[in-house]
Protein backbone atom coordinates (compact mmCIF):
# COMPACT_ATOMS: atom_id res chain seq x y z
CA MET A 1 69.35 111.19 59.46
CA ILE A 2 69.27 107.30 59.82
CA PHE A 3 72.63 107.18 59.00
CA ILE A 4 73.84 109.39 61.80
CA VAL A 5 71.53 107.01 64.17
CA PHE A 6 73.25 104.15 63.03
CA LEU A 7 76.71 105.55 63.50
CA VAL A 8 75.76 106.38 66.91
CA ILE A 9 74.99 102.98 67.49
CA MET A 10 77.94 101.20 66.30
CA ALA A 11 79.94 104.02 68.27
CA VAL A 12 78.09 102.80 71.37
CA ILE A 13 78.58 99.38 70.51
CA LEU A 14 82.39 99.93 70.10
CA ILE A 15 82.76 101.48 73.38
CA ALA A 16 80.90 98.90 75.24
CA ALA A 17 82.82 96.01 73.56
CA ALA A 18 85.95 97.81 74.49
CA VAL A 19 85.06 98.45 78.07
CA TYR A 20 83.69 94.72 78.41
CA SER A 21 87.26 93.60 76.97
CA VAL A 22 89.11 95.35 79.26
CA VAL A 23 86.82 94.35 82.77
CA GLN A 24 86.49 90.75 81.37
CA LYS A 25 88.06 88.30 83.81
CA ASP A 26 87.76 85.25 81.67
CA LEU A 27 90.54 85.56 78.86
CA LEU A 28 88.48 83.85 76.10
CA TYR A 29 85.51 86.37 76.47
CA ALA A 30 88.10 89.47 76.38
CA VAL A 31 89.52 88.02 73.33
CA LEU A 32 85.74 87.62 71.65
CA GLY A 33 85.21 91.22 72.81
CA THR A 34 88.22 92.63 70.96
CA GLY A 35 87.01 90.77 67.64
CA VAL A 36 83.77 92.67 68.10
CA VAL A 37 85.62 95.51 68.56
CA SER A 38 87.82 94.93 65.13
CA LEU A 39 84.38 94.02 63.29
CA VAL A 40 82.69 97.38 64.52
CA LEU A 41 85.89 99.21 63.31
CA SER A 42 86.01 97.42 59.71
CA VAL A 43 82.30 98.39 59.34
CA PHE A 44 83.49 101.88 60.20
CA PHE A 45 86.38 102.03 57.82
CA TYR A 46 83.86 100.66 55.00
CA LEU A 47 81.49 103.30 55.73
CA LEU A 48 84.29 105.87 55.66
CA GLN A 49 84.72 104.94 52.15
CA ALA A 50 88.12 103.01 53.04
CA PRO A 51 87.12 99.56 51.91
CA ASP A 52 90.96 98.75 51.70
CA VAL A 53 91.66 99.46 55.25
CA ALA A 54 88.33 97.55 56.11
CA ILE A 55 89.33 94.37 54.79
CA THR A 56 92.55 94.66 56.41
CA GLU A 57 90.87 95.32 59.56
CA ALA A 58 88.74 92.59 58.64
CA ALA A 59 91.65 90.03 58.10
CA ILE A 60 94.06 90.94 60.73
CA GLY A 61 91.92 92.26 63.63
CA ILE A 62 88.95 89.75 63.01
CA ALA A 63 90.25 86.48 61.89
CA LEU A 64 93.78 86.49 62.63
CA THR A 65 94.45 87.84 66.01
CA THR A 66 91.65 86.44 67.12
CA ILE A 67 92.31 82.96 65.80
CA ILE A 68 95.65 83.13 67.52
CA PHE A 69 94.81 84.36 70.90
CA ILE A 70 92.33 81.62 71.18
CA ILE A 71 94.62 79.05 69.97
CA THR A 72 97.01 80.51 72.38
CA ILE A 73 94.45 80.66 75.40
CA ARG A 74 93.53 76.94 74.75
CA ASN A 75 97.17 75.64 74.97
CA THR A 76 97.72 77.29 78.18
CA THR A 77 96.62 76.52 81.78
CA ARG A 78 93.16 78.84 82.69
CA ASP A 79 94.18 79.74 86.09
CA GLU A 80 92.15 82.95 86.10
CA ASP A 81 90.27 82.17 89.58
CA LYS A 82 93.44 81.03 91.17
CA TYR A 83 95.51 83.98 90.37
CA SER A 84 92.26 86.72 91.18
CA GLU A 85 92.05 84.65 94.68
CA ASP A 86 95.45 85.32 95.33
CA LEU A 87 95.54 88.99 94.38
CA ILE A 88 92.68 89.48 96.84
CA ASN A 89 93.92 87.52 99.76
CA ARG A 90 97.48 89.36 98.98
CA PHE A 91 96.21 92.83 99.43
CA LYS A 92 93.35 91.82 101.96
CA PRO A 93 94.10 93.94 105.60
CA GLU A 94 94.97 91.50 108.25
CA GLU A 95 92.41 90.80 110.82
CA ASP A 96 93.28 91.17 114.59
CA ALA A 97 92.27 88.20 116.40
């Protein structure tokens, strides 16, 4: 019974982190959300008695991919606010003066 409750809680965390990653405007937080998704997935794989897949998911999904994305974001300009404002102004209906 406790195991099923734990699985349901982990599934809710997985879905919440995935949705958070998709709707997040700041790229750094979105990448951290995908890292949480990979962490929960590796726990799921371990609980499903697939430790080799869990270790691979932890190494690639959590460590390598997240680090590469963070380094890439760090080495580029952070203009999310500028681009979101441009998109809002582009699709804003013209007001009659």
